[in-house]
Amino acid sequence: MLILVCICIFLFSNQPGVESTKLASNLFVRKLGHFSEYAILGFFAFAYFSNIFQTGREKIQLETSFFISFLFCFSYAVSDEFHQTFVIGRDGNFIDVLIDSVGVLFGIIISYALPFLKILKKR
């Protein structure tokens, strides 16, 4: 799923400015799109990396998974904005990287909290 989300983000970013504006001409909607797609990326990144870094010591696993997930997603956001500088009618924007990063944090928190919410629901 993680790779699939990365591909979707790449495809959205690869659309020329004219096509991108047709999909969402409203600035708020475009920024919400950034937040949402990176929240999804953060969610799946944390799920993936927390599965990889299972050590039996939950605190180390949690910290490592969080750090690697955030670093991966942040790096992807930066590379995505850089990629957009080569797309006709698009440009890279540091504000978008910040919005993406907030989305990533939101997705990571949801991914972390979901198992606890399932446990509470069973009670």
PDB file of N, CA and C in Angstrom:
ATOM      1  N   MET A   1       0.817  -1.200   0.000  1.00  0.00           N
ATOM      2  CA  MET A   1       0.000   0.000   0.000  1.00  0.00           C
ATOM      3  C   MET A   1       0.861   1.263   0.000  1.00  0.00           C
ATOM      4  N   LEU A   2       1.956   1.204   0.735  1.00  0.00           N
ATOM      5  CA  LEU A   2       2.833   2.372   0.838  1.00  0.00           C
ATOM      6  C   LEU A   2       3.340   2.795  -0.540  1.00  0.00           C
ATOM      7  N   ILE A   3       3.779   1.836  -1.326  1.00  0.00           N
ATOM      8  CA  ILE A   3       4.276   2.135  -2.672  1.00  0.00           C
ATOM      9  C   ILE A   3       3.146   2.688  -3.545  1.00  0.00           C
ATOM     10  N   LEU A   4       1.963   2.125  -3.412  1.00  0.00           N
ATOM     11  CA  LEU A   4       0.812   2.576  -4.193  1.00  0.00           C
ATOM     12  C   LEU A   4       0.465   4.036  -3.885  1.00  0.00           C
ATOM     13  N   VAL A   5       0.514   4.409  -2.611  1.00  0.00           N
ATOM     14  CA  VAL A   5       0.245   5.802  -2.227  1.00  0.00           C
ATOM     15  C   VAL A   5       1.317   6.718  -2.818  1.00  0.00           C
ATOM     16  N   CYS A   6       2.576   6.291  -2.772  1.00  0.00           N
ATOM     17  CA  CYS A   6       3.660   7.091  -3.369  1.00  0.00           C
ATOM     18  C   CYS A   6       3.428   7.287  -4.869  1.00  0.00           C
ATOM     19  N   ILE A   7       3.005   6.243  -5.538  1.00  0.00           N
ATOM     20  CA  ILE A   7       2.737   6.342  -6.979  1.00  0.00           C
ATOM     21  C   ILE A   7       1.592   7.316  -7.241  1.00  0.00           C
ATOM     22  N   CYS A   8       0.532   7.229  -6.448  1.00  0.00           N
ATOM     23  CA  CYS A   8      -0.609   8.148  -6.625  1.00  0.00           C
ATOM     24  C   CYS A   8      -0.182   9.599  -6.425  1.00  0.00           C
ATOM     25  N   ILE A   9       0.607   9.857  -5.389  1.00  0.00           N
ATOM     26  CA  ILE A   9       1.091  11.220  -5.145  1.00  0.00           C
ATOM     27  C   ILE A   9       1.927  11.694  -6.329  1.00  0.00           C
ATOM     28  N   PHE A  10       2.800  10.824  -6.823  1.00  0.00           N
ATOM     29  CA  PHE A  10       3.627  11.181  -7.975  1.00  0.00           C
ATOM     30  C   PHE A  10       2.762  11.527  -9.182  1.00  0.00           C
ATOM     31  N   LEU A  11       1.744  10.718  -9.438  1.00  0.00           N
ATOM     32  CA  LEU A  11       0.877  10.959 -10.596  1.00  0.00           C
ATOM     33  C   LEU A  11       0.107  12.271 -10.464  1.00  0.00           C
ATOM     34  N   PHE A  12      -0.383  12.572  -9.260  1.00  0.00           N
ATOM     35  CA  PHE A  12      -1.049  13.862  -9.043  1.00  0.00           C
ATOM     36  C   PHE A  12      -0.080  15.013  -9.292  1.00  0.00           C
ATOM     37  N   SER A  13       1.137  14.862  -8.808  1.00  0.00           N
ATOM     38  CA  SER A  13       2.139  15.926  -8.941  1.00  0.00           C
ATOM     39  C   SER A  13       2.636  16.083 -10.366  1.00  0.00           C
ATOM     40  N   ASN A  14       2.495  15.052 -11.149  1.00  0.00           N
ATOM     41  CA  ASN A  14       2.992  15.076 -12.517  1.00  0.00           C
ATOM     42  C   ASN A  14       2.010  15.739 -13.488  1.00  0.00           C
ATOM     43  N   GLN A  15       0.827  16.078 -13.010  1.00  0.00           N
ATOM     44  CA  GLN A  15      -0.157  16.742 -13.866  1.00  0.00           C
ATOM     45  C   GLN A  15       0.255  18.189 -14.102  1.00  0.00           C
ATOM     46  N   PRO A  16       0.179  18.649 -15.336  1.00  0.00           N
ATOM     47  CA  PRO A  16       0.487  20.063 -15.609  1.00  0.00           C
ATOM     48  C   PRO A  16      -0.427  20.989 -14.805  1.00  0.00           C
ATOM     49  N   GLY A  17       0.022  22.205 -14.599  1.00  0.00           N
ATOM     50  CA  GLY A  17      -0.714  23.170 -13.794  1.00  0.00           C
ATOM     51  C   GLY A  17      -2.153  23.369 -14.232  1.00  0.00           C
ATOM     52  N   VAL A  18      -2.392  23.372 -15.537  1.00  0.00           N
ATOM     53  CA  VAL A  18      -3.750  23.579 -16.060  1.00  0.00           C
ATOM     54  C   VAL A  18      -4.674  22.446 -15.606  1.00  0.00           C
ATOM     55  N   GLU A  19      -4.210  21.202 -15.722  1.00  0.00           N
ATOM     56  CA  GLU A  19      -5.019  20.053 -15.305  1.00  0.00           C
ATOM     57  C   GLU A  19      -5.228  20.048 -13.801  1.00  0.00           C
ATOM     58  N   SER A  20      -4.186  20.369 -13.060  1.00  0.00           N
ATOM     59  CA  SER A  20      -4.271  20.398 -11.607  1.00  0.00           C
ATOM     60  C   SER A  20      -5.287  21.433 -11.142  1.00  0.00           C
ATOM     61  N   THR A  21      -5.298  22.586 -11.783  1.00  0.00           N
ATOM     62  CA  THR A  21      -6.235  23.648 -11.425  1.00  0.00           C
ATOM     63  C   THR A  21      -7.667  23.255 -11.766  1.00  0.00           C
ATOM     64  N   LYS A  22      -7.853  22.493 -12.841  1.00  0.00           N
ATOM     65  CA  LYS A  22      -9.194  22.012 -13.196  1.00  0.00           C
ATOM     66  C   LYS A  22      -9.757  21.113 -12.096  1.00  0.00           C
ATOM     67  N   LEU A  23      -8.901  20.261 -11.538  1.00  0.00           N
ATOM     68  CA  LEU A  23      -9.351  19.351 -10.487  1.00  0.00           C
ATOM     69  C   LEU A  23      -9.729  20.099  -9.217  1.00  0.00           C
ATOM     70  N   ALA A  24      -8.946  21.112  -8.868  1.00  0.00           N
ATOM     71  CA  ALA A  24      -9.207  21.866  -7.639  1.00  0.00           C
ATOM     72  C   ALA A  24      -8.716  23.292  -7.820  1.00  0.00           C
ATOM     73  N   SER A  25      -9.630  24.167  -8.179  1.00  0.00           N
ATOM     74  CA  SER A  25      -9.232  25.562  -8.379  1.00  0.00           C
ATOM     75  C   SER A  25      -9.194  26.327  -7.063  1.00  0.00           C
ATOM     76  N   ASN A  26      -9.901  25.847  -6.055  1.00  0.00           N
ATOM     77  CA  ASN A  26      -9.948  26.499  -4.753  1.00  0.00           C
ATOM     78  C   ASN A  26      -8.664  26.198  -3.974  1.00  0.00           C
ATOM     79  N   LEU A  27      -8.016  27.237  -3.473  1.00  0.00           N
ATOM     80  CA  LEU A  27      -6.748  27.075  -2.749  1.00  0.00           C
ATOM     81  C   LEU A  27      -6.910  26.165  -1.534  1.00  0.00           C
ATOM     82  N   PHE A  28      -7.986  26.353  -0.770  1.00  0.00           N
ATOM     83  CA  PHE A  28      -8.214  25.533   0.420  1.00  0.00           C
ATOM     84  C   PHE A  28      -8.338  24.055   0.052  1.00  0.00           C
ATOM     85  N   VAL A  29      -9.051  23.768  -1.009  1.00  0.00           N
ATOM     86  CA  VAL A  29      -9.236  22.379  -1.451  1.00  0.00           C
ATOM     87  C   VAL A  29      -7.899  21.772  -1.862  1.00  0.00           C
ATOM     88  N   ARG A  30      -7.069  22.542  -2.553  1.00  0.00           N
ATOM     89  CA  ARG A  30      -5.742  22.036  -2.960  1.00  0.00           C
ATOM     90  C   ARG A  30      -4.875  21.735  -1.741  1.00  0.00           C
ATOM     91  N   LYS A  31      -4.883  22.636  -0.761  1.00  0.00           N
ATOM     92  CA  LYS A  31      -4.064  22.419   0.440  1.00  0.00           C
ATOM     93  C   LYS A  31      -4.607  21.253   1.261  1.00  0.00           C
ATOM     94  N   LEU A  32      -5.940  21.113   1.288  1.00  0.00           N
ATOM     95  CA  LEU A  32      -6.543  19.970   1.970  1.00  0.00           C
ATOM     96  C   LEU A  32      -6.146  18.669   1.271  1.00  0.00           C
ATOM     97  N   GLY A  33      -6.010  18.724  -0.045  1.00  0.00           N
ATOM     98  CA  GLY A  33      -5.531  17.566  -0.800  1.00  0.00           C
ATOM     99  C   GLY A  33      -4.119  17.186  -0.398  1.00  0.00           C
ATOM    100  N   HIS A  34      -3.252  18.191  -0.261  1.00  0.00           N
ATOM    101  CA  HIS A  34      -1.882  17.933   0.212  1.00  0.00           C
ATOM    102  C   HIS A  34      -1.923  17.248   1.575  1.00  0.00           C
ATOM    103  N   PHE A  35      -2.670  17.839   2.500  1.00  0.00           N
ATOM    104  CA  PHE A  35      -2.767  17.301   3.858  1.00  0.00           C
ATOM    105  C   PHE A  35      -3.264  15.856   3.824  1.00  0.00           C
ATOM    106  N   SER A  36      -4.325  15.621   3.074  1.00  0.00           N
ATOM    107  CA  SER A  36      -4.966  14.301   3.051  1.00  0.00           C
ATOM    108  C   SER A  36      -4.075  13.224   2.447  1.00  0.00           C
ATOM    109  N   GLU A  37      -3.470  13.523   1.304  1.00  0.00           N
ATOM    110  CA  GLU A  37      -2.655  12.490   0.669  1.00  0.00           C
ATOM    111  C   GLU A  37      -1.429  12.156   1.515  1.00  0.00           C
ATOM    112  N   TYR A  38      -0.887  13.134   2.211  1.00  0.00           N
ATOM    113  CA  TYR A  38       0.267  12.851   3.063  1.00  0.00           C
ATOM    114  C   TYR A  38      -0.140  12.249   4.402  1.00  0.00           C
ATOM    115  N   ALA A  39      -1.374  12.492   4.853  1.00  0.00           N
ATOM    116  CA  ALA A  39      -1.882  11.793   6.038  1.00  0.00           C
ATOM    117  C   ALA A  39      -2.000  10.303   5.723  1.00  0.00           C
ATOM    118  N   ILE A  40      -2.485  10.001   4.540  1.00  0.00           N
ATOM    119  CA  ILE A  40      -2.586   8.599   4.108  1.00  0.00           C
ATOM    120  C   ILE A  40      -1.193   7.983   3.994  1.00  0.00           C
ATOM    121  N   LEU A  41      -0.253   8.737   3.427  1.00  0.00           N
ATOM    122  CA  LEU A  41       1.126   8.247   3.321  1.00  0.00           C
ATOM    123  C   LEU A  41       1.713   7.998   4.712  1.00  0.00           C
ATOM    124  N   GLY A  42       1.525   8.937   5.632  1.00  0.00           N
ATOM    125  CA  GLY A  42       2.026   8.775   7.002  1.00  0.00           C
ATOM    126  C   GLY A  42       1.416   7.565   7.690  1.00  0.00           C
ATOM    127  N   PHE A  43       0.113   7.368   7.481  1.00  0.00           N
ATOM    128  CA  PHE A  43      -0.586   6.225   8.069  1.00  0.00           C
ATOM    129  C   PHE A  43       0.060   4.913   7.628  1.00  0.00           C
ATOM    130  N   PHE A  44       0.212   4.744   6.329  1.00  0.00           N
ATOM    131  CA  PHE A  44       0.762   3.488   5.810  1.00  0.00           C
ATOM    132  C   PHE A  44       2.261   3.359   6.078  1.00  0.00           C
ATOM    133  N   ALA A  45       2.978   4.468   6.102  1.00  0.00           N
ATOM    134  CA  ALA A  45       4.412   4.408   6.417  1.00  0.00           C
ATOM    135  C   ALA A  45       4.615   3.917   7.846  1.00  0.00           C
ATOM    136  N   PHE A  46       3.845   4.465   8.788  1.00  0.00           N
ATOM    137  CA  PHE A  46       3.993   4.034  10.183  1.00  0.00           C
ATOM    138  C   PHE A  46       3.583   2.574  10.343  1.00  0.00           C
ATOM    139  N   ALA A  47       2.502   2.180   9.691  1.00  0.00           N
ATOM    140  CA  ALA A  47       2.070   0.778   9.771  1.00  0.00           C
ATOM    141  C   ALA A  47       3.168  -0.143   9.233  1.00  0.00           C
ATOM    142  N   TYR A  48       3.778   0.247   8.133  1.00  0.00           N
ATOM    143  CA  TYR A  48       4.834  -0.562   7.519  1.00  0.00           C
ATOM    144  C   TYR A  48       6.085  -0.616   8.401  1.00  0.00           C
ATOM    145  N   PHE A  49       6.579   0.555   8.799  1.00  0.00           N
ATOM    146  CA  PHE A  49       7.834   0.575   9.550  1.00  0.00           C
ATOM    147  C   PHE A  49       7.675   0.033  10.968  1.00  0.00           C
ATOM    148  N   SER A  50       6.514   0.203  11.582  1.00  0.00           N
ATOM    149  CA  SER A  50       6.336  -0.362  12.923  1.00  0.00           C
ATOM    150  C   SER A  50       6.301  -1.886  12.851  1.00  0.00           C
ATOM    151  N   ASN A  51       5.882  -2.425  11.730  1.00  0.00           N
ATOM    152  CA  ASN A  51       5.906  -3.870  11.533  1.00  0.00           C
ATOM    153  C   ASN A  51       7.344  -4.359  11.341  1.00  0.00           C
ATOM    154  N   ILE A  52       8.147  -3.583  10.643  1.00  0.00           N
ATOM    155  CA  ILE A  52       9.548  -3.953  10.397  1.00  0.00           C
ATOM    156  C   ILE A  52      10.389  -3.880  11.672  1.00  0.00           C
ATOM    157  N   PHE A  53      10.155  -2.835  12.480  1.00  0.00           N
ATOM    158  CA  PHE A  53      11.009  -2.588  13.642  1.00  0.00           C
ATOM    159  C   PHE A  53      10.476  -3.207  14.924  1.00  0.00           C
ATOM    160  N   GLN A  54       9.759  -4.302  14.833  1.00  0.00           N
ATOM    161  CA  GLN A  54       9.295  -4.976  16.044  1.00  0.00           C
ATOM    162  C   GLN A  54      10.499  -5.606  16.728  1.00  0.00           C
ATOM    163  N   THR A  55      10.787  -5.138  17.944  1.00  0.00           N
ATOM    164  CA  THR A  55      11.977  -5.608  18.652  1.00  0.00           C
ATOM    165  C   THR A  55      11.649  -6.289  19.967  1.00  0.00           C
ATOM    166  N   GLY A  56      10.408  -6.178  20.411  1.00  0.00           N
ATOM    167  CA  GLY A  56      10.081  -6.683  21.736  1.00  0.00           C
ATOM    168  C   GLY A  56      10.204  -5.586  22.777  1.00  0.00           C
ATOM    169  N   ARG A  57      10.916  -4.524  22.438  1.00  0.00           N
ATOM    170  CA  ARG A  57      11.006  -3.364  23.336  1.00  0.00           C
ATOM    171  C   ARG A  57      10.176  -2.259  22.698  1.00  0.00           C
ATOM    172  N   GLU A  58       8.966  -2.106  23.199  1.00  0.00           N
ATOM    173  CA  GLU A  58       7.974  -1.268  22.537  1.00  0.00           C
ATOM    174  C   GLU A  58       8.413   0.187  22.389  1.00  0.00           C
ATOM    175  N   LYS A  59       9.101   0.735  23.394  1.00  0.00           N
ATOM    176  CA  LYS A  59       9.484   2.149  23.314  1.00  0.00           C
ATOM    177  C   LYS A  59      10.468   2.382  22.166  1.00  0.00           C
ATOM    178  N   ILE A  60      11.461   1.507  22.027  1.00  0.00           N
ATOM    179  CA  ILE A  60      12.432   1.643  20.940  1.00  0.00           C
ATOM    180  C   ILE A  60      11.726   1.461  19.597  1.00  0.00           C
ATOM    181  N   GLN A  61      10.834   0.476  19.536  1.00  0.00           N
ATOM    182  CA  GLN A  61      10.093   0.222  18.302  1.00  0.00           C
ATOM    183  C   GLN A  61       9.277   1.447  17.916  1.00  0.00           C
ATOM    184  N   LEU A  62       8.582   2.027  18.879  1.00  0.00           N
ATOM    185  CA  LEU A  62       7.728   3.177  18.614  1.00  0.00           C
ATOM    186  C   LEU A  62       8.548   4.376  18.143  1.00  0.00           C
ATOM    187  N   GLU A  63       9.622   4.681  18.853  1.00  0.00           N
ATOM    188  CA  GLU A  63      10.456   5.831  18.489  1.00  0.00           C
ATOM    189  C   GLU A  63      11.099   5.638  17.117  1.00  0.00           C
ATOM    190  N   THR A  64      11.628   4.457  16.871  1.00  0.00           N
ATOM    191  CA  THR A  64      12.267   4.176  15.584  1.00  0.00           C
ATOM    192  C   THR A  64      11.255   4.238  14.449  1.00  0.00           C
ATOM    193  N   SER A  65      10.111   3.623  14.657  1.00  0.00           N
ATOM    194  CA  SER A  65       9.069   3.621  13.622  1.00  0.00           C
ATOM    195  C   SER A  65       8.593   5.029  13.322  1.00  0.00           C
ATOM    196  N   PHE A  66       8.384   5.817  14.373  1.00  0.00           N
ATOM    197  CA  PHE A  66       7.935   7.196  14.185  1.00  0.00           C
ATOM    198  C   PHE A  66       8.981   7.989  13.405  1.00  0.00           C
ATOM    199  N   PHE A  67      10.234   7.905  13.836  1.00  0.00           N
ATOM    200  CA  PHE A  67      11.307   8.680  13.213  1.00  0.00           C
ATOM    201  C   PHE A  67      11.503   8.286  11.746  1.00  0.00           C
ATOM    202  N   ILE A  68      11.595   7.003  11.485  1.00  0.00           N
ATOM    203  CA  ILE A  68      11.820   6.538  10.113  1.00  0.00           C
ATOM    204  C   ILE A  68      10.618   6.877   9.232  1.00  0.00           C
ATOM    205  N   SER A  69       9.412   6.700   9.757  1.00  0.00           N
ATOM    206  CA  SER A  69       8.202   7.024   8.989  1.00  0.00           C
ATOM    207  C   SER A  69       8.166   8.498   8.633  1.00  0.00           C
ATOM    208  N   PHE A  70       8.422   9.342   9.630  1.00  0.00           N
ATOM    209  CA  PHE A  70       8.381  10.780   9.371  1.00  0.00           C
ATOM    210  C   PHE A  70       9.487  11.183   8.399  1.00  0.00           C
ATOM    211  N   LEU A  71      10.688  10.655   8.597  1.00  0.00           N
ATOM    212  CA  LEU A  71      11.808  10.981   7.714  1.00  0.00           C
ATOM    213  C   LEU A  71      11.522  10.544   6.274  1.00  0.00           C
ATOM    214  N   PHE A  72      10.986   9.360   6.110  1.00  0.00           N
ATOM    215  CA  PHE A  72      10.630   8.863   4.782  1.00  0.00           C
ATOM    216  C   PHE A  72       9.606   9.783   4.119  1.00  0.00           C
ATOM    217  N   CYS A  73       8.538  10.101   4.842  1.00  0.00           N
ATOM    218  CA  CYS A  73       7.452  10.917   4.273  1.00  0.00           C
ATOM    219  C   CYS A  73       7.895  12.352   4.023  1.00  0.00           C
ATOM    220  N   PHE A  74       8.676  12.908   4.938  1.00  0.00           N
ATOM    221  CA  PHE A  74       9.182  14.267   4.751  1.00  0.00           C
ATOM    222  C   PHE A  74      10.087  14.326   3.524  1.00  0.00           C
ATOM    223  N   SER A  75      10.963  13.339   3.397  1.00  0.00           N
ATOM    224  CA  SER A  75      11.853  13.285   2.228  1.00  0.00           C
ATOM    225  C   SER A  75      11.053  13.147   0.943  1.00  0.00           C
ATOM    226  N   TYR A  76       9.995  12.367   1.001  1.00  0.00           N
ATOM    227  CA  TYR A  76       9.146  12.207  -0.181  1.00  0.00           C
ATOM    228  C   TYR A  76       8.452  13.522  -0.519  1.00  0.00           C
ATOM    229  N   ALA A  77       8.002  14.248   0.498  1.00  0.00           N
ATOM    230  CA  ALA A  77       7.347  15.551   0.272  1.00  0.00           C
ATOM    231  C   ALA A  77       8.317  16.542  -0.369  1.00  0.00           C
ATOM    232  N   VAL A  78       9.543  16.579   0.123  1.00  0.00           N
ATOM    233  CA  VAL A  78      10.552  17.483  -0.446  1.00  0.00           C
ATOM    234  C   VAL A  78      10.845  17.091  -1.893  1.00  0.00           C
ATOM    235  N   SER A  79      11.035  15.796  -2.130  1.00  0.00           N
ATOM    236  CA  SER A  79      11.325  15.354  -3.502  1.00  0.00           C
ATOM    237  C   SER A  79      10.125  15.587  -4.422  1.00  0.00           C
ATOM    238  N   ASP A  80       8.922  15.488  -3.882  1.00  0.00           N
ATOM    239  CA  ASP A  80       7.710  15.741  -4.662  1.00  0.00           C
ATOM    240  C   ASP A  80       7.631  17.208  -5.085  1.00  0.00           C
ATOM    241  N   GLU A  81       7.931  18.102  -4.169  1.00  0.00           N
ATOM    242  CA  GLU A  81       7.920  19.532  -4.512  1.00  0.00           C
ATOM    243  C   GLU A  81       9.032  19.854  -5.514  1.00  0.00           C
ATOM    244  N   PHE A  82      10.189  19.211  -5.365  1.00  0.00           N
ATOM    245  CA  PHE A  82      11.273  19.398  -6.329  1.00  0.00           C
ATOM    246  C   PHE A  82      10.839  18.889  -7.701  1.00  0.00           C
ATOM    247  N   HIS A  83      10.207  17.729  -7.717  1.00  0.00           N
ATOM    248  CA  HIS A  83       9.702  17.152  -8.969  1.00  0.00           C
ATOM    249  C   HIS A  83       8.746  18.123  -9.664  1.00  0.00           C
ATOM    250  N   GLN A  84       7.909  18.813  -8.889  1.00  0.00           N
ATOM    251  CA  GLN A  84       6.930  19.729  -9.479  1.00  0.00           C
ATOM    252  C   GLN A  84       7.583  20.919 -10.185  1.00  0.00           C
ATOM    253  N   THR A  85       8.824  21.232  -9.833  1.00  0.00           N
ATOM    254  CA  THR A  85       9.507  22.340 -10.519  1.00  0.00           C
ATOM    255  C   THR A  85       9.799  22.002 -11.983  1.00  0.00           C
ATOM    256  N   PHE A  86       9.741  20.721 -12.336  1.00  0.00           N
ATOM    257  CA  PHE A  86       9.990  20.291 -13.710  1.00  0.00           C
ATOM    258  C   PHE A  86       8.698  20.072 -14.503  1.00  0.00           C
ATOM    259  N   VAL A  87       7.556  20.234 -13.853  1.00  0.00           N
ATOM    260  CA  VAL A  87       6.259  20.013 -14.498  1.00  0.00           C
ATOM    261  C   VAL A  87       5.728  21.357 -14.998  1.00  0.00           C
ATOM    262  N   ILE A  88       5.247  21.380 -16.223  1.00  0.00           N
ATOM    263  CA  ILE A  88       4.759  22.620 -16.850  1.00  0.00           C
ATOM    264  C   ILE A  88       3.625  23.219 -16.021  1.00  0.00           C
ATOM    265  N   GLY A  89       3.774  24.495 -15.691  1.00  0.00           N
ATOM    266  CA  GLY A  89       2.737  25.212 -14.962  1.00  0.00           C
ATOM    267  C   GLY A  89       2.711  24.945 -13.471  1.00  0.00           C
ATOM    268  N   ARG A  90       3.698  24.221 -12.963  1.00  0.00           N
ATOM    269  CA  ARG A  90       3.763  23.906 -11.527  1.00  0.00           C
ATOM    270  C   ARG A  90       5.051  24.480 -10.969  1.00  0.00           C
ATOM    271  N   ASP A  91       5.086  24.611  -9.658  1.00  0.00           N
ATOM    272  CA  ASP A  91       6.323  25.011  -8.985  1.00  0.00           C
ATOM    273  C   ASP A  91       6.375  24.345  -7.616  1.00  0.00           C
ATOM    274  N   GLY A  92       7.563  24.279  -7.062  1.00  0.00           N
ATOM    275  CA  GLY A  92       7.742  23.733  -5.728  1.00  0.00           C
ATOM    276  C   GLY A  92       7.442  24.801  -4.695  1.00  0.00           C
ATOM    277  N   ASN A  93       6.905  24.387  -3.558  1.00  0.00           N
ATOM    278  CA  ASN A  93       6.489  25.346  -2.549  1.00  0.00           C
ATOM    279  C   ASN A  93       6.808  24.792  -1.162  1.00  0.00           C
ATOM    280  N   PHE A  94       7.593  25.537  -0.389  1.00  0.00           N
ATOM    281  CA  PHE A  94       7.971  25.084   0.951  1.00  0.00           C
ATOM    282  C   PHE A  94       6.757  24.990   1.871  1.00  0.00           C
ATOM    283  N   ILE A  95       5.782  25.877   1.686  1.00  0.00           N
ATOM    284  CA  ILE A  95       4.560  25.829   2.498  1.00  0.00           C
ATOM    285  C   ILE A  95       3.854  24.487   2.294  1.00  0.00           C
ATOM    286  N   ASP A  96       3.862  23.992   1.065  1.00  0.00           N
ATOM    287  CA  ASP A  96       3.247  22.686   0.801  1.00  0.00           C
ATOM    288  C   ASP A  96       3.973  21.571   1.549  1.00  0.00           C
ATOM    289  N   VAL A  97       5.288  21.671   1.665  1.00  0.00           N
ATOM    290  CA  VAL A  97       6.046  20.676   2.430  1.00  0.00           C
ATOM    291  C   VAL A  97       5.614  20.719   3.894  1.00  0.00           C
ATOM    292  N   LEU A  98       5.401  21.911   4.427  1.00  0.00           N
ATOM    293  CA  LEU A  98       4.943  22.030   5.815  1.00  0.00           C
ATOM    294  C   LEU A  98       3.548  21.429   5.984  1.00  0.00           C
ATOM    295  N   ILE A  99       2.656  21.720   5.051  1.00  0.00           N
ATOM    296  CA  ILE A  99       1.304  21.150   5.103  1.00  0.00           C
ATOM    297  C   ILE A  99       1.373  19.626   4.987  1.00  0.00           C
ATOM    298  N   ASP A 100       2.209  19.146   4.079  1.00  0.00           N
ATOM    299  CA  ASP A 100       2.403  17.702   3.923  1.00  0.00           C
ATOM    300  C   ASP A 100       2.897  17.084   5.231  1.00  0.00           C
ATOM    301  N   SER A 101       3.829  17.753   5.895  1.00  0.00           N
ATOM    302  CA  SER A 101       4.406  17.238   7.139  1.00  0.00           C
ATOM    303  C   SER A 101       3.368  17.155   8.250  1.00  0.00           C
ATOM    304  N   VAL A 102       2.495  18.140   8.325  1.00  0.00           N
ATOM    305  CA  VAL A 102       1.415  18.097   9.317  1.00  0.00           C
ATOM    306  C   VAL A 102       0.477  16.931   8.998  1.00  0.00           C
ATOM    307  N   GLY A 103       0.191  16.730   7.723  1.00  0.00           N
ATOM    308  CA  GLY A 103      -0.616  15.581   7.315  1.00  0.00           C
ATOM    309  C   GLY A 103       0.045  14.265   7.692  1.00  0.00           C
ATOM    310  N   VAL A 104       1.356  14.182   7.497  1.00  0.00           N
ATOM    311  CA  VAL A 104       2.109  12.977   7.861  1.00  0.00           C
ATOM    312  C   VAL A 104       1.970  12.706   9.357  1.00  0.00           C
ATOM    313  N   LEU A 105       2.163  13.730  10.173  1.00  0.00           N
ATOM    314  CA  LEU A 105       2.041  13.556  11.624  1.00  0.00           C
ATOM    315  C   LEU A 105       0.642  13.071  12.001  1.00  0.00           C
ATOM    316  N   PHE A 106      -0.366  13.644  11.374  1.00  0.00           N
ATOM    317  CA  PHE A 106      -1.743  13.226  11.631  1.00  0.00           C
ATOM    318  C   PHE A 106      -1.929  11.753  11.267  1.00  0.00           C
ATOM    319  N   GLY A 107      -1.445  11.358  10.105  1.00  0.00           N
ATOM    320  CA  GLY A 107      -1.562   9.965   9.673  1.00  0.00           C
ATOM    321  C   GLY A 107      -0.826   9.004  10.586  1.00  0.00           C
ATOM    322  N   ILE A 108       0.353   9.395  11.045  1.00  0.00           N
ATOM    323  CA  ILE A 108       1.126   8.553  11.961  1.00  0.00           C
ATOM    324  C   ILE A 108       0.370   8.384  13.277  1.00  0.00           C
ATOM    325  N   ILE A 109      -0.182   9.470  13.792  1.00  0.00           N
ATOM    326  CA  ILE A 109      -0.926   9.400  15.057  1.00  0.00           C
ATOM    327  C   ILE A 109      -2.145   8.485  14.914  1.00  0.00           C
ATOM    328  N   ILE A 110      -2.863   8.609  13.814  1.00  0.00           N
ATOM    329  CA  ILE A 110      -4.026   7.739  13.584  1.00  0.00           C
ATOM    330  C   ILE A 110      -3.581   6.278  13.478  1.00  0.00           C
ATOM    331  N   SER A 111      -2.513   6.026  12.757  1.00  0.00           N
ATOM    332  CA  SER A 111      -2.005   4.664  12.598  1.00  0.00           C
ATOM    333  C   SER A 111      -1.581   4.074  13.940  1.00  0.00           C
ATOM    334  N   TYR A 112      -0.966   4.899  14.780  1.00  0.00           N
ATOM    335  CA  TYR A 112      -0.544   4.453  16.108  1.00  0.00           C
ATOM    336  C   TYR A 112      -1.750   4.202  17.010  1.00  0.00           C
ATOM    337  N   ALA A 113      -2.751   5.072  16.943  1.00  0.00           N
ATOM    338  CA  ALA A 113      -3.894   5.009  17.858  1.00  0.00           C
ATOM    339  C   ALA A 113      -4.918   3.947  17.472  1.00  0.00           C
ATOM    340  N   LEU A 114      -4.970   3.571  16.226  1.00  0.00           N
ATOM    341  CA  LEU A 114      -6.007   2.655  15.752  1.00  0.00           C
ATOM    342  C   LEU A 114      -6.085   1.344  16.536  1.00  0.00           C
ATOM    343  N   PRO A 115      -4.975   0.666  16.805  1.00  0.00           N
ATOM    344  CA  PRO A 115      -5.074  -0.575  17.596  1.00  0.00           C
ATOM    345  C   PRO A 115      -5.651  -0.337  18.994  1.00  0.00           C
ATOM    346  N   PHE A 116      -5.321   0.796  19.604  1.00  0.00           N
ATOM    347  CA  PHE A 116      -5.845   1.102  20.932  1.00  0.00           C
ATOM    348  C   PHE A 116      -7.343   1.371  20.878  1.00  0.00           C
ATOM    349  N   LEU A 117      -7.788   2.013  19.823  1.00  0.00           N
ATOM    350  CA  LEU A 117      -9.217   2.279  19.663  1.00  0.00           C
ATOM    351  C   LEU A 117      -9.994   0.978  19.475  1.00  0.00           C
ATOM    352  N   LYS A 118      -9.397   0.024  18.770  1.00  0.00           N
ATOM    353  CA  LYS A 118     -10.047  -1.275  18.589  1.00  0.00           C
ATOM    354  C   LYS A 118     -10.164  -2.012  19.919  1.00  0.00           C
ATOM    355  N   ILE A 119      -9.128  -1.918  20.752  1.00  0.00           N
ATOM    356  CA  ILE A 119      -9.156  -2.560  22.070  1.00  0.00           C
ATOM    357  C   ILE A 119     -10.245  -1.933  22.933  1.00  0.00           C
ATOM    358  N   LEU A 120     -10.327  -0.617  22.934  1.00  0.00           N
ATOM    359  CA  LEU A 120     -11.347   0.070  23.727  1.00  0.00           C
ATOM    360  C   LEU A 120     -12.749  -0.280  23.249  1.00  0.00           C
ATOM    361  N   LYS A 121     -12.913  -0.442  21.961  1.00  0.00           N
ATOM    362  CA  LYS A 121     -14.224  -0.766  21.401  1.00  0.00           C
ATOM    363  C   LYS A 121     -14.682  -2.159  21.835  1.00  0.00           C
ATOM    364  N   LYS A 122     -13.743  -3.089  21.997  1.00  0.00           N
ATOM    365  CA  LYS A 122     -14.081  -4.454  22.407  1.00  0.00           C
ATOM    366  C   LYS A 122     -14.567  -4.510  23.850  1.00  0.00           C
ATOM    367  N   ARG A 123     -14.139  -3.574  24.678  1.00  0.00           N
ATOM    368  CA  ARG A 123     -14.505  -3.598  26.102  1.00  0.00           C
ATOM    369  C   ARG A 123     -15.902  -3.249  26.295  1.00  0.00           C
TER     370      ARG A 123
END
